[in-house]
């Protein structure tokens, strides 16, 4: 019997790449997202390309009841859920002074509460069977916030806090359900074309940029290996560690460069699309418009996959250096 994965935000971006990655490994897939037509096209393409079952379930993850109903539908059609992946997000590019309360609320509901609703729907079913894996998708911005993305950063910080609380509770209850968090760097997705943008110029990810398949491979790895947390991309590692060492210095650096690093020279179109409150129609895929700048590999992800061998080689190298240094004449 094939394993079953549920992926939220599956219509485009990292979620769409995750659907491909799990299907490639033989999983039947339930796709959750808001746009019914794009979701259905994605599901039919997955079935044709990989020979697995794919179930499109149009769902707004901000609606807890809808998420629970989607979980029930997935199990009814595909079978017990083995893996649940929380990817869905929505954001606004704007300084806090330009945000409306309803925009903050909506972005938080989708990005933060969407993952909470997914965790709760998945756990209520996995608890009964005492097995399964929940993968939450975090970000380097869940450790180090940047200007113009307060809604997204706040939600990613909250996801990390909720995840840590739930993990401790699951350990207390001795559940054989694995909960993991995958923190991503800047990813080349349609987010930068359809996120609500109140700035004068088009948004862009802060370099270095990675392809969504890098994120999808990391998420699949997290779902099939017992890692508490995975940092993807050396830029993620640097952001997290630098903020721990010198947060005030990073504050000042981002005050100077945080705006221009997230904006291109291209003006925003007068009728630019926004997916905050309604899905943007169209045949979007996993990739955004930055294919020419995006990396297809992550050194940090490689070391995480092969951490035993990596640290063994590092230890051998260090021992060799010590031996050479100690043998030098004094």
C-alpha atoms as a PDB file:
ATOM      1  CA  UNK A   1       0.000   0.000   0.000  1.00  0.00           C
ATOM      2  CA  UNK A   2       1.390   3.399  -0.991  1.00  0.00           C
ATOM      3  CA  UNK A   3       2.046   6.065   1.596  1.00  0.00           C
ATOM      4  CA  UNK A   4      -0.083   9.207   1.636  1.00  0.00           C
ATOM      5  CA  UNK A   5       1.089  12.802   1.960  1.00  0.00           C
ATOM      6  CA  UNK A   6      -0.982  15.972   2.327  1.00  0.00           C
ATOM      7  CA  UNK A   7       0.636  19.196   1.103  1.00  0.00           C
ATOM      8  CA  UNK A   8      -0.838  22.629   1.761  1.00  0.00           C
ATOM      9  CA  UNK A   9      -0.052  25.492  -0.586  1.00  0.00           C
ATOM     10  CA  UNK A  10       0.217  22.846  -3.293  1.00  0.00           C
ATOM     11  CA  UNK A  11      -0.942  24.970  -6.225  1.00  0.00           C
ATOM     12  CA  UNK A  12       2.407  26.686  -6.860  1.00  0.00           C
ATOM     13  CA  UNK A  13       5.808  27.489  -5.377  1.00  0.00           C
ATOM     14  CA  UNK A  14       7.431  25.264  -2.760  1.00  0.00           C
ATOM     15  CA  UNK A  15       4.175  23.375  -2.198  1.00  0.00           C
ATOM     16  CA  UNK A  16       3.971  22.463  -5.876  1.00  0.00           C
ATOM     17  CA  UNK A  17       7.603  21.315  -5.843  1.00  0.00           C
ATOM     18  CA  UNK A  18       6.863  19.191  -2.750  1.00  0.00           C
ATOM     19  CA  UNK A  19       3.992  17.476  -4.522  1.00  0.00           C
ATOM     20  CA  UNK A  20       6.376  16.534  -7.341  1.00  0.00           C
ATOM     21  CA  UNK A  21       9.069  15.339  -4.925  1.00  0.00           C
ATOM     22  CA  UNK A  22       6.793  13.069  -2.900  1.00  0.00           C
ATOM     23  CA  UNK A  23       5.070  11.725  -6.022  1.00  0.00           C
ATOM     24  CA  UNK A  24       8.491  10.943  -7.486  1.00  0.00           C
ATOM     25  CA  UNK A  25       9.080   8.726  -4.442  1.00  0.00           C
ATOM     26  CA  UNK A  26       5.786   6.909  -4.909  1.00  0.00           C
ATOM     27  CA  UNK A  27       3.498   8.731  -2.478  1.00  0.00           C
ATOM     28  CA  UNK A  28      -0.172   9.306  -3.195  1.00  0.00           C
ATOM     29  CA  UNK A  29      -0.756  13.026  -2.755  1.00  0.00           C
ATOM     30  CA  UNK A  30      -3.571  15.228  -1.491  1.00  0.00           C
ATOM     31  CA  UNK A  31      -3.121  18.776  -2.776  1.00  0.00           C
ATOM     32  CA  UNK A  32      -4.585  21.627  -0.721  1.00  0.00           C
ATOM     33  CA  UNK A  33      -4.763  25.176  -2.059  1.00  0.00           C
ATOM     34  CA  UNK A  34      -7.403  27.766  -2.943  1.00  0.00           C
ATOM     35  CA  UNK A  35      -7.499  27.895  -6.758  1.00  0.00           C
ATOM     36  CA  UNK A  36      -9.576  24.870  -7.912  1.00  0.00           C
ATOM     37  CA  UNK A  37      -8.559  24.952 -11.581  1.00  0.00           C
ATOM     38  CA  UNK A  38      -4.804  25.185 -10.995  1.00  0.00           C
ATOM     39  CA  UNK A  39      -5.020  22.548  -8.267  1.00  0.00           C
ATOM     40  CA  UNK A  40      -6.908  20.149 -10.526  1.00  0.00           C
ATOM     41  CA  UNK A  41      -4.415  20.652 -13.375  1.00  0.00           C
ATOM     42  CA  UNK A  42      -1.567  19.946 -10.977  1.00  0.00           C
ATOM     43  CA  UNK A  43      -3.231  16.780  -9.702  1.00  0.00           C
ATOM     44  CA  UNK A  44      -3.860  15.414 -13.196  1.00  0.00           C
ATOM     45  CA  UNK A  45      -0.270  16.168 -14.192  1.00  0.00           C
ATOM     46  CA  UNK A  46       1.059  14.338 -11.152  1.00  0.00           C
ATOM     47  CA  UNK A  47      -1.027  11.248 -11.933  1.00  0.00           C
ATOM     48  CA  UNK A  48       0.091  11.239 -15.555  1.00  0.00           C
ATOM     49  CA  UNK A  49       3.788  11.780 -14.812  1.00  0.00           C
ATOM     50  CA  UNK A  50       4.289   9.556 -11.769  1.00  0.00           C
ATOM     51  CA  UNK A  51       1.522   6.958 -11.783  1.00  0.00           C
ATOM     52  CA  UNK A  52       0.315   7.826  -8.284  1.00  0.00           C
ATOM     53  CA  UNK A  53      -3.087   8.967  -7.085  1.00  0.00           C
ATOM     54  CA  UNK A  54      -3.495  12.714  -6.672  1.00  0.00           C
ATOM     55  CA  UNK A  55      -6.485  14.323  -4.999  1.00  0.00           C
ATOM     56  CA  UNK A  56      -7.169  18.042  -5.426  1.00  0.00           C
ATOM     57  CA  UNK A  57      -9.000  19.523  -2.420  1.00  0.00           C
ATOM     58  CA  UNK A  58      -9.624  23.281  -2.756  1.00  0.00           C
ATOM     59  CA  UNK A  59      -9.020  24.599   0.761  1.00  0.00           C
ATOM     60  CA  UNK A  60      -8.382  27.899   2.502  1.00  0.00           C
ATOM     61  CA  UNK A  61      -6.024  26.908   5.313  1.00  0.00           C
ATOM     62  CA  UNK A  62      -7.110  29.969   7.316  1.00  0.00           C
ATOM     63  CA  UNK A  63     -10.391  28.077   7.907  1.00  0.00           C
ATOM     64  CA  UNK A  64      -9.814  25.422  10.586  1.00  0.00           C
ATOM     65  CA  UNK A  65     -13.006  23.510   9.762  1.00  0.00           C
ATOM     66  CA  UNK A  66     -12.108  23.424   6.061  1.00  0.00           C
ATOM     67  CA  UNK A  67      -8.651  22.011   6.859  1.00  0.00           C
ATOM     68  CA  UNK A  68     -10.129  19.291   9.059  1.00  0.00           C
ATOM     69  CA  UNK A  69     -12.666  18.420   6.361  1.00  0.00           C
ATOM     70  CA  UNK A  70      -9.832  18.226   3.817  1.00  0.00           C
ATOM     71  CA  UNK A  71      -7.956  15.798   6.089  1.00  0.00           C
ATOM     72  CA  UNK A  72     -11.071  13.642   6.381  1.00  0.00           C
ATOM     73  CA  UNK A  73     -11.545  13.713   2.610  1.00  0.00           C
ATOM     74  CA  UNK A  74      -7.906  12.751   1.998  1.00  0.00           C
ATOM     75  CA  UNK A  75      -8.181   9.729   4.293  1.00  0.00           C
ATOM     76  CA  UNK A  76     -11.528   8.714   2.835  1.00  0.00           C
ATOM     77  CA  UNK A  77     -10.175   8.650  -0.730  1.00  0.00           C
ATOM     78  CA  UNK A  78      -6.447   7.898  -0.372  1.00  0.00           C
ATOM     79  CA  UNK A  79      -6.137   6.213   3.014  1.00  0.00           C
ATOM     80  CA  UNK A  80      -4.429   7.051   6.327  1.00  0.00           C
ATOM     81  CA  UNK A  81      -2.192  10.128   6.179  1.00  0.00           C
ATOM     82  CA  UNK A  82       1.474   9.266   6.705  1.00  0.00           C
ATOM     83  CA  UNK A  83       2.950  12.735   6.185  1.00  0.00           C
ATOM     84  CA  UNK A  84       1.439  16.201   6.466  1.00  0.00           C
ATOM     85  CA  UNK A  85       3.440  19.133   5.041  1.00  0.00           C
ATOM     86  CA  UNK A  86       2.478  22.716   5.973  1.00  0.00           C
ATOM     87  CA  UNK A  87       3.651  25.077   3.235  1.00  0.00           C
ATOM     88  CA  UNK A  88       0.847  27.576   2.540  1.00  0.00           C
ATOM     89  CA  UNK A  89       1.669  31.242   3.111  1.00  0.00           C
ATOM     90  CA  UNK A  90       0.563  34.763   2.261  1.00  0.00           C
ATOM     91  CA  UNK A  91       2.304  38.045   2.880  1.00  0.00           C
ATOM     92  CA  UNK A  92       2.454  41.776   2.264  1.00  0.00           C
ATOM     93  CA  UNK A  93       5.470  43.811   1.173  1.00  0.00           C
ATOM     94  CA  UNK A  94       5.049  47.102   3.041  1.00  0.00           C
ATOM     95  CA  UNK A  95       6.339  49.028   6.034  1.00  0.00           C
ATOM     96  CA  UNK A  96       4.201  48.632   9.151  1.00  0.00           C
ATOM     97  CA  UNK A  97       2.971  52.218   8.803  1.00  0.00           C
ATOM     98  CA  UNK A  98       1.303  51.259   5.498  1.00  0.00           C
ATOM     99  CA  UNK A  99      -0.395  48.068   6.678  1.00  0.00           C
ATOM    100  CA  UNK A 100      -4.121  47.749   7.296  1.00  0.00           C
ATOM    101  CA  UNK A 101      -5.240  45.616  10.273  1.00  0.00           C
ATOM    102  CA  UNK A 102      -7.190  43.271   8.019  1.00  0.00           C
ATOM    103  CA  UNK A 103      -4.061  42.656   5.930  1.00  0.00           C
ATOM    104  CA  UNK A 104      -2.060  41.717   9.014  1.00  0.00           C
ATOM    105  CA  UNK A 105      -4.880  39.484  10.201  1.00  0.00           C
ATOM    106  CA  UNK A 106      -5.244  37.705   6.869  1.00  0.00           C
ATOM    107  CA  UNK A 107      -1.513  37.125   6.387  1.00  0.00           C
ATOM    108  CA  UNK A 108      -1.237  35.784   9.935  1.00  0.00           C
ATOM    109  CA  UNK A 109      -4.223  33.505   9.529  1.00  0.00           C
ATOM    110  CA  UNK A 110      -2.852  31.923   6.367  1.00  0.00           C
ATOM    111  CA  UNK A 111       0.838  31.698   7.258  1.00  0.00           C
ATOM    112  CA  UNK A 112       0.666  30.989  10.995  1.00  0.00           C
ATOM    113  CA  UNK A 113      -2.817  29.662  11.778  1.00  0.00           C
ATOM    114  CA  UNK A 114      -2.795  27.706   8.516  1.00  0.00           C
ATOM    115  CA  UNK A 115       0.089  25.637   9.893  1.00  0.00           C
ATOM    116  CA  UNK A 116      -1.584  25.361  13.300  1.00  0.00           C
ATOM    117  CA  UNK A 117      -4.761  24.082  11.665  1.00  0.00           C
ATOM    118  CA  UNK A 118      -2.705  21.591   9.658  1.00  0.00           C
ATOM    119  CA  UNK A 119      -0.880  20.332  12.745  1.00  0.00           C
ATOM    120  CA  UNK A 120      -4.120  19.861  14.634  1.00  0.00           C
ATOM    121  CA  UNK A 121      -5.905  18.086  11.783  1.00  0.00           C
ATOM    122  CA  UNK A 122      -2.963  15.768  11.161  1.00  0.00           C
ATOM    123  CA  UNK A 123      -2.196  15.044  14.819  1.00  0.00           C
ATOM    124  CA  UNK A 124      -5.799  14.155  15.700  1.00  0.00           C
ATOM    125  CA  UNK A 125      -5.558  11.326  13.160  1.00  0.00           C
ATOM    126  CA  UNK A 126      -1.936  10.299  13.687  1.00  0.00           C
ATOM    127  CA  UNK A 127      -2.399  10.138  17.471  1.00  0.00           C
ATOM    128  CA  UNK A 128      -4.977   7.369  17.103  1.00  0.00           C
ATOM    129  CA  UNK A 129      -2.582   5.262  15.001  1.00  0.00           C
ATOM    130  CA  UNK A 130       0.511   6.393  16.942  1.00  0.00           C
ATOM    131  CA  UNK A 131       2.506   7.024  13.776  1.00  0.00           C
ATOM    132  CA  UNK A 132       3.090   9.679  11.160  1.00  0.00           C
ATOM    133  CA  UNK A 133       5.156  12.771  10.432  1.00  0.00           C
ATOM    134  CA  UNK A 134       4.276  16.470  10.394  1.00  0.00           C
ATOM    135  CA  UNK A 135       6.631  18.819   8.545  1.00  0.00           C
ATOM    136  CA  UNK A 136       6.314  22.538   9.218  1.00  0.00           C
ATOM    137  CA  UNK A 137       7.989  24.987   6.879  1.00  0.00           C
ATOM    138  CA  UNK A 138       9.768  27.813   8.638  1.00  0.00           C
ATOM    139  CA  UNK A 139      12.243  30.385   7.442  1.00  0.00           C
ATOM    140  CA  UNK A 140      15.465  32.153   8.264  1.00  0.00           C
ATOM    141  CA  UNK A 141      13.063  35.086   8.765  1.00  0.00           C
ATOM    142  CA  UNK A 142      11.594  33.186  11.707  1.00  0.00           C
ATOM    143  CA  UNK A 143      14.856  33.928  13.539  1.00  0.00           C
ATOM    144  CA  UNK A 144      15.916  37.249  12.008  1.00  0.00           C
ATOM    145  CA  UNK A 145      13.183  39.607  10.835  1.00  0.00           C
ATOM    146  CA  UNK A 146      13.675  42.006   7.941  1.00  0.00           C
ATOM    147  CA  UNK A 147      11.943  45.273   7.066  1.00  0.00           C
ATOM    148  CA  UNK A 148       8.923  45.268   4.742  1.00  0.00           C
ATOM    149  CA  UNK A 149       7.941  41.722   5.773  1.00  0.00           C
ATOM    150  CA  UNK A 150       6.649  42.136   9.334  1.00  0.00           C
ATOM    151  CA  UNK A 151       3.511  40.073   8.640  1.00  0.00           C
ATOM    152  CA  UNK A 152       5.453  37.120   7.274  1.00  0.00           C
ATOM    153  CA  UNK A 153       8.275  37.327   9.817  1.00  0.00           C
ATOM    154  CA  UNK A 154       5.861  37.519  12.740  1.00  0.00           C
ATOM    155  CA  UNK A 155       4.000  34.450  11.482  1.00  0.00           C
ATOM    156  CA  UNK A 156       7.209  32.452  11.013  1.00  0.00           C
ATOM    157  CA  UNK A 157       8.373  33.316  14.551  1.00  0.00           C
ATOM    158  CA  UNK A 158       4.988  32.119  15.836  1.00  0.00           C
ATOM    159  CA  UNK A 159       5.229  28.846  13.913  1.00  0.00           C
ATOM    160  CA  UNK A 160       8.532  28.081  15.577  1.00  0.00           C
ATOM    161  CA  UNK A 161       7.075  28.742  19.035  1.00  0.00           C
ATOM    162  CA  UNK A 162       3.983  26.611  18.461  1.00  0.00           C
ATOM    163  CA  UNK A 163       6.070  23.790  16.986  1.00  0.00           C
ATOM    164  CA  UNK A 164       8.397  23.669  19.996  1.00  0.00           C
ATOM    165  CA  UNK A 165       5.471  23.574  22.430  1.00  0.00           C
ATOM    166  CA  UNK A 166       3.738  20.784  20.539  1.00  0.00           C
ATOM    167  CA  UNK A 167       6.947  18.765  20.243  1.00  0.00           C
ATOM    168  CA  UNK A 168       7.417  18.770  24.016  1.00  0.00           C
ATOM    169  CA  UNK A 169       3.808  17.725  24.545  1.00  0.00           C
ATOM    170  CA  UNK A 170       4.191  14.855  22.088  1.00  0.00           C
ATOM    171  CA  UNK A 171       7.330  13.678  23.872  1.00  0.00           C
ATOM    172  CA  UNK A 172       5.505  13.897  27.195  1.00  0.00           C
ATOM    173  CA  UNK A 173       2.739  11.690  25.774  1.00  0.00           C
ATOM    174  CA  UNK A 174       5.341   9.302  24.298  1.00  0.00           C
ATOM    175  CA  UNK A 175       3.784   9.570  20.858  1.00  0.00           C
ATOM    176  CA  UNK A 176       5.508   7.880  17.961  1.00  0.00           C
ATOM    177  CA  UNK A 177       4.657  10.864  15.742  1.00  0.00           C
ATOM    178  CA  UNK A 178       7.539  12.924  14.399  1.00  0.00           C
ATOM    179  CA  UNK A 179       7.357  16.720  14.222  1.00  0.00           C
ATOM    180  CA  UNK A 180      10.043  18.616  12.346  1.00  0.00           C
ATOM    181  CA  UNK A 181      10.710  22.167  11.135  1.00  0.00           C
ATOM    182  CA  UNK A 182      12.462  23.034   7.853  1.00  0.00           C
ATOM    183  CA  UNK A 183      13.810  26.599   7.739  1.00  0.00           C
ATOM    184  CA  UNK A 184      14.176  27.927   4.214  1.00  0.00           C
ATOM    185  CA  UNK A 185      16.276  30.664   2.587  1.00  0.00           C
ATOM    186  CA  UNK A 186      15.064  32.888  -0.257  1.00  0.00           C
ATOM    187  CA  UNK A 187      13.274  30.707  -2.818  1.00  0.00           C
ATOM    188  CA  UNK A 188      12.421  31.409  -6.459  1.00  0.00           C
ATOM    189  CA  UNK A 189       8.609  31.133  -6.346  1.00  0.00           C
ATOM    190  CA  UNK A 190       5.631  33.114  -7.730  1.00  0.00           C
ATOM    191  CA  UNK A 191       5.301  34.734  -4.284  1.00  0.00           C
ATOM    192  CA  UNK A 192       7.216  37.766  -5.547  1.00  0.00           C
ATOM    193  CA  UNK A 193       4.764  38.248  -8.414  1.00  0.00           C
ATOM    194  CA  UNK A 194       1.484  37.896  -6.558  1.00  0.00           C
ATOM    195  CA  UNK A 195       2.066  38.922  -2.931  1.00  0.00           C
ATOM    196  CA  UNK A 196       0.370  42.219  -2.062  1.00  0.00           C
ATOM    197  CA  UNK A 197       3.029  44.873  -2.673  1.00  0.00           C
ATOM    198  CA  UNK A 198       2.553  48.438  -1.449  1.00  0.00           C
ATOM    199  CA  UNK A 199       5.990  49.580  -2.525  1.00  0.00           C
ATOM    200  CA  UNK A 200       6.765  51.474  -5.722  1.00  0.00           C
ATOM    201  CA  UNK A 201       8.990  48.698  -7.120  1.00  0.00           C
ATOM    202  CA  UNK A 202       8.584  44.965  -7.686  1.00  0.00           C
ATOM    203  CA  UNK A 203       9.632  42.632  -4.895  1.00  0.00           C
ATOM    204  CA  UNK A 204      12.506  40.178  -5.120  1.00  0.00           C
ATOM    205  CA  UNK A 205      14.053  37.539  -2.846  1.00  0.00           C
ATOM    206  CA  UNK A 206      17.253  38.504  -1.062  1.00  0.00           C
ATOM    207  CA  UNK A 207      20.231  36.757  -2.681  1.00  0.00           C
ATOM    208  CA  UNK A 208      21.333  34.018  -2.646  1.00  0.00           C
ATOM    209  CA  UNK A 209      18.182  32.563  -4.181  1.00  0.00           C
ATOM    210  CA  UNK A 210      17.445  28.824  -4.333  1.00  0.00           C
ATOM    211  CA  UNK A 211      15.157  26.868  -6.622  1.00  0.00           C
ATOM    212  CA  UNK A 212      11.979  25.428  -5.043  1.00  0.00           C
ATOM    213  CA  UNK A 213      13.245  21.893  -5.719  1.00  0.00           C
ATOM    214  CA  UNK A 214      16.011  22.493  -3.146  1.00  0.00           C
ATOM    215  CA  UNK A 215      13.335  23.218  -0.553  1.00  0.00           C
ATOM    216  CA  UNK A 216      11.239  20.239  -1.669  1.00  0.00           C
ATOM    217  CA  UNK A 217      14.165  17.832  -1.342  1.00  0.00           C
ATOM    218  CA  UNK A 218      14.876  19.141   2.149  1.00  0.00           C
ATOM    219  CA  UNK A 219      11.226  18.743   3.145  1.00  0.00           C
ATOM    220  CA  UNK A 220      11.111  15.188   1.812  1.00  0.00           C
ATOM    221  CA  UNK A 221      14.334  14.412   3.693  1.00  0.00           C
ATOM    222  CA  UNK A 222      12.835  15.863   6.881  1.00  0.00           C
ATOM    223  CA  UNK A 223       9.744  13.699   6.424  1.00  0.00           C
ATOM    224  CA  UNK A 224      11.773  10.508   6.082  1.00  0.00           C
ATOM    225  CA  UNK A 225      14.562  11.127   8.621  1.00  0.00           C
ATOM    226  CA  UNK A 226      14.238  11.973  12.287  1.00  0.00           C
ATOM    227  CA  UNK A 227      15.678  15.460  12.414  1.00  0.00           C
ATOM    228  CA  UNK A 228      14.362  18.007  14.903  1.00  0.00           C
ATOM    229  CA  UNK A 229      15.068  20.889  12.554  1.00  0.00           C
ATOM    230  CA  UNK A 230      16.792  21.466   9.233  1.00  0.00           C
ATOM    231  CA  UNK A 231      18.376  24.708   8.044  1.00  0.00           C
ATOM    232  CA  UNK A 232      18.475  24.936   4.245  1.00  0.00           C
ATOM    233  CA  UNK A 233      21.126  27.096   2.596  1.00  0.00           C
ATOM    234  CA  UNK A 234      24.229  28.614   4.112  1.00  0.00           C
ATOM    235  CA  UNK A 235      22.480  32.001   4.032  1.00  0.00           C
ATOM    236  CA  UNK A 236      19.952  30.607   6.531  1.00  0.00           C
ATOM    237  CA  UNK A 237      22.737  29.419   8.809  1.00  0.00           C
ATOM    238  CA  UNK A 238      24.477  32.806   8.632  1.00  0.00           C
ATOM    239  CA  UNK A 239      21.282  34.754   9.332  1.00  0.00           C
ATOM    240  CA  UNK A 240      20.373  32.654  12.365  1.00  0.00           C
ATOM    241  CA  UNK A 241      23.846  32.593  13.895  1.00  0.00           C
ATOM    242  CA  UNK A 242      24.655  36.239  13.138  1.00  0.00           C
ATOM    243  CA  UNK A 243      21.462  37.348  14.841  1.00  0.00           C
ATOM    244  CA  UNK A 244      22.388  35.358  17.940  1.00  0.00           C
ATOM    245  CA  UNK A 245      25.810  36.971  18.088  1.00  0.00           C
ATOM    246  CA  UNK A 246      25.141  40.587  17.106  1.00  0.00           C
ATOM    247  CA  UNK A 247      21.412  41.408  16.725  1.00  0.00           C
ATOM    248  CA  UNK A 248      21.872  45.171  17.131  1.00  0.00           C
ATOM    249  CA  UNK A 249      24.484  45.194  14.389  1.00  0.00           C
ATOM    250  CA  UNK A 250      22.091  43.322  12.101  1.00  0.00           C
ATOM    251  CA  UNK A 251      19.358  45.856  12.954  1.00  0.00           C
ATOM    252  CA  UNK A 252      21.527  48.676  11.679  1.00  0.00           C
ATOM    253  CA  UNK A 253      22.655  46.761   8.594  1.00  0.00           C
ATOM    254  CA  UNK A 254      19.053  45.979   7.597  1.00  0.00           C
ATOM    255  CA  UNK A 255      17.995  49.578   8.242  1.00  0.00           C
ATOM    256  CA  UNK A 256      20.529  50.613   5.588  1.00  0.00           C
ATOM    257  CA  UNK A 257      20.188  47.813   3.042  1.00  0.00           C
ATOM    258  CA  UNK A 258      17.005  45.873   3.842  1.00  0.00           C
ATOM    259  CA  UNK A 259      14.775  47.899   1.533  1.00  0.00           C
ATOM    260  CA  UNK A 260      16.869  47.890  -1.638  1.00  0.00           C
ATOM    261  CA  UNK A 261      17.823  44.227  -1.133  1.00  0.00           C
ATOM    262  CA  UNK A 262      14.157  43.219  -1.480  1.00  0.00           C
ATOM    263  CA  UNK A 263      13.147  45.492  -4.346  1.00  0.00           C
ATOM    264  CA  UNK A 264      14.094  45.588  -8.022  1.00  0.00           C
ATOM    265  CA  UNK A 265      14.384  48.670 -10.223  1.00  0.00           C
ATOM    266  CA  UNK A 266      11.159  47.703 -12.015  1.00  0.00           C
ATOM    267  CA  UNK A 267       8.046  49.688 -11.058  1.00  0.00           C
ATOM    268  CA  UNK A 268       5.011  47.827  -9.771  1.00  0.00           C
ATOM    269  CA  UNK A 269       2.262  47.577 -12.398  1.00  0.00           C
ATOM    270  CA  UNK A 270      -0.855  49.606 -11.727  1.00  0.00           C
ATOM    271  CA  UNK A 271      -3.061  46.516 -11.649  1.00  0.00           C
ATOM    272  CA  UNK A 272      -0.533  44.104 -10.113  1.00  0.00           C
ATOM    273  CA  UNK A 273      -2.184  40.896  -8.846  1.00  0.00           C
ATOM    274  CA  UNK A 274      -2.508  40.105  -5.141  1.00  0.00           C
ATOM    275  CA  UNK A 275      -3.348  36.710  -3.650  1.00  0.00           C
ATOM    276  CA  UNK A 276      -3.830  37.871  -0.057  1.00  0.00           C
ATOM    277  CA  UNK A 277      -7.626  37.680   0.034  1.00  0.00           C
ATOM    278  CA  UNK A 278      -8.380  35.825  -3.210  1.00  0.00           C
ATOM    279  CA  UNK A 279      -6.271  33.369  -5.256  1.00  0.00           C
ATOM    280  CA  UNK A 280      -4.646  34.729  -8.406  1.00  0.00           C
ATOM    281  CA  UNK A 281      -5.810  32.712 -11.445  1.00  0.00           C
ATOM    282  CA  UNK A 282      -3.341  31.461 -13.986  1.00  0.00           C
ATOM    283  CA  UNK A 283      -1.074  28.549 -14.768  1.00  0.00           C
ATOM    284  CA  UNK A 284       1.606  29.255 -12.151  1.00  0.00           C
ATOM    285  CA  UNK A 285       4.137  26.545 -11.340  1.00  0.00           C
ATOM    286  CA  UNK A 286       6.767  25.989  -8.664  1.00  0.00           C
ATOM    287  CA  UNK A 287       9.143  28.577 -10.152  1.00  0.00           C
ATOM    288  CA  UNK A 288       9.061  32.343 -10.122  1.00  0.00           C
ATOM    289  CA  UNK A 289      10.834  34.743 -12.466  1.00  0.00           C
ATOM    290  CA  UNK A 290      14.347  34.340 -11.025  1.00  0.00           C
ATOM    291  CA  UNK A 291      15.471  31.118 -12.717  1.00  0.00           C
ATOM    292  CA  UNK A 292      18.600  32.820 -14.050  1.00  0.00           C
ATOM    293  CA  UNK A 293      19.770  33.696 -10.525  1.00  0.00           C
ATOM    294  CA  UNK A 294      18.606  30.693  -8.489  1.00  0.00           C
ATOM    295  CA  UNK A 295      20.812  27.890  -7.191  1.00  0.00           C
ATOM    296  CA  UNK A 296      19.796  24.260  -7.621  1.00  0.00           C
ATOM    297  CA  UNK A 297      21.912  22.865  -4.757  1.00  0.00           C
ATOM    298  CA  UNK A 298      22.433  23.641  -1.071  1.00  0.00           C
ATOM    299  CA  UNK A 299      25.740  22.850   0.613  1.00  0.00           C
ATOM    300  CA  UNK A 300      24.099  23.039   4.039  1.00  0.00           C
ATOM    301  CA  UNK A 301      21.461  20.516   2.973  1.00  0.00           C
ATOM    302  CA  UNK A 302      24.206  18.163   1.724  1.00  0.00           C
ATOM    303  CA  UNK A 303      25.968  18.215   5.091  1.00  0.00           C
ATOM    304  CA  UNK A 304      22.663  17.586   6.873  1.00  0.00           C
ATOM    305  CA  UNK A 305      21.938  14.562   4.708  1.00  0.00           C
ATOM    306  CA  UNK A 306      25.401  13.146   5.295  1.00  0.00           C
ATOM    307  CA  UNK A 307      26.145  14.603   8.703  1.00  0.00           C
ATOM    308  CA  UNK A 308      27.807  11.473  10.123  1.00  0.00           C
ATOM    309  CA  UNK A 309      30.283  11.260   7.258  1.00  0.00           C
ATOM    310  CA  UNK A 310      30.759  15.032   7.244  1.00  0.00           C
ATOM    311  CA  UNK A 311      31.664  15.256  10.914  1.00  0.00           C
ATOM    312  CA  UNK A 312      33.845  12.147  10.657  1.00  0.00           C
ATOM    313  CA  UNK A 313      35.826  13.731   7.818  1.00  0.00           C
ATOM    314  CA  UNK A 314      36.003  17.011   9.719  1.00  0.00           C
ATOM    315  CA  UNK A 315      37.350  15.180  12.775  1.00  0.00           C
ATOM    316  CA  UNK A 316      39.928  13.322  10.671  1.00  0.00           C
ATOM    317  CA  UNK A 317      41.000  16.581   9.058  1.00  0.00           C
ATOM    318  CA  UNK A 318      41.291  18.326  12.416  1.00  0.00           C
ATOM    319  CA  UNK A 319      43.276  15.431  13.875  1.00  0.00           C
ATOM    320  CA  UNK A 320      45.619  15.592  10.881  1.00  0.00           C
ATOM    321  CA  UNK A 321      46.178  19.308  11.350  1.00  0.00           C
ATOM    322  CA  UNK A 322      46.894  18.833  15.041  1.00  0.00           C
ATOM    323  CA  UNK A 323      49.391  16.088  14.247  1.00  0.00           C
ATOM    324  CA  UNK A 324      51.183  18.272  11.668  1.00  0.00           C
ATOM    325  CA  UNK A 325      51.316  21.258  13.977  1.00  0.00           C
ATOM    326  CA  UNK A 326      52.538  19.198  16.929  1.00  0.00           C
ATOM    327  CA  UNK A 327      55.306  17.622  14.833  1.00  0.00           C
ATOM    328  CA  UNK A 328      56.796  20.943  13.749  1.00  0.00           C
ATOM    329  CA  UNK A 329      60.106  21.858  15.391  1.00  0.00           C
ATOM    330  CA  UNK A 330      59.759  24.403  18.155  1.00  0.00           C
END
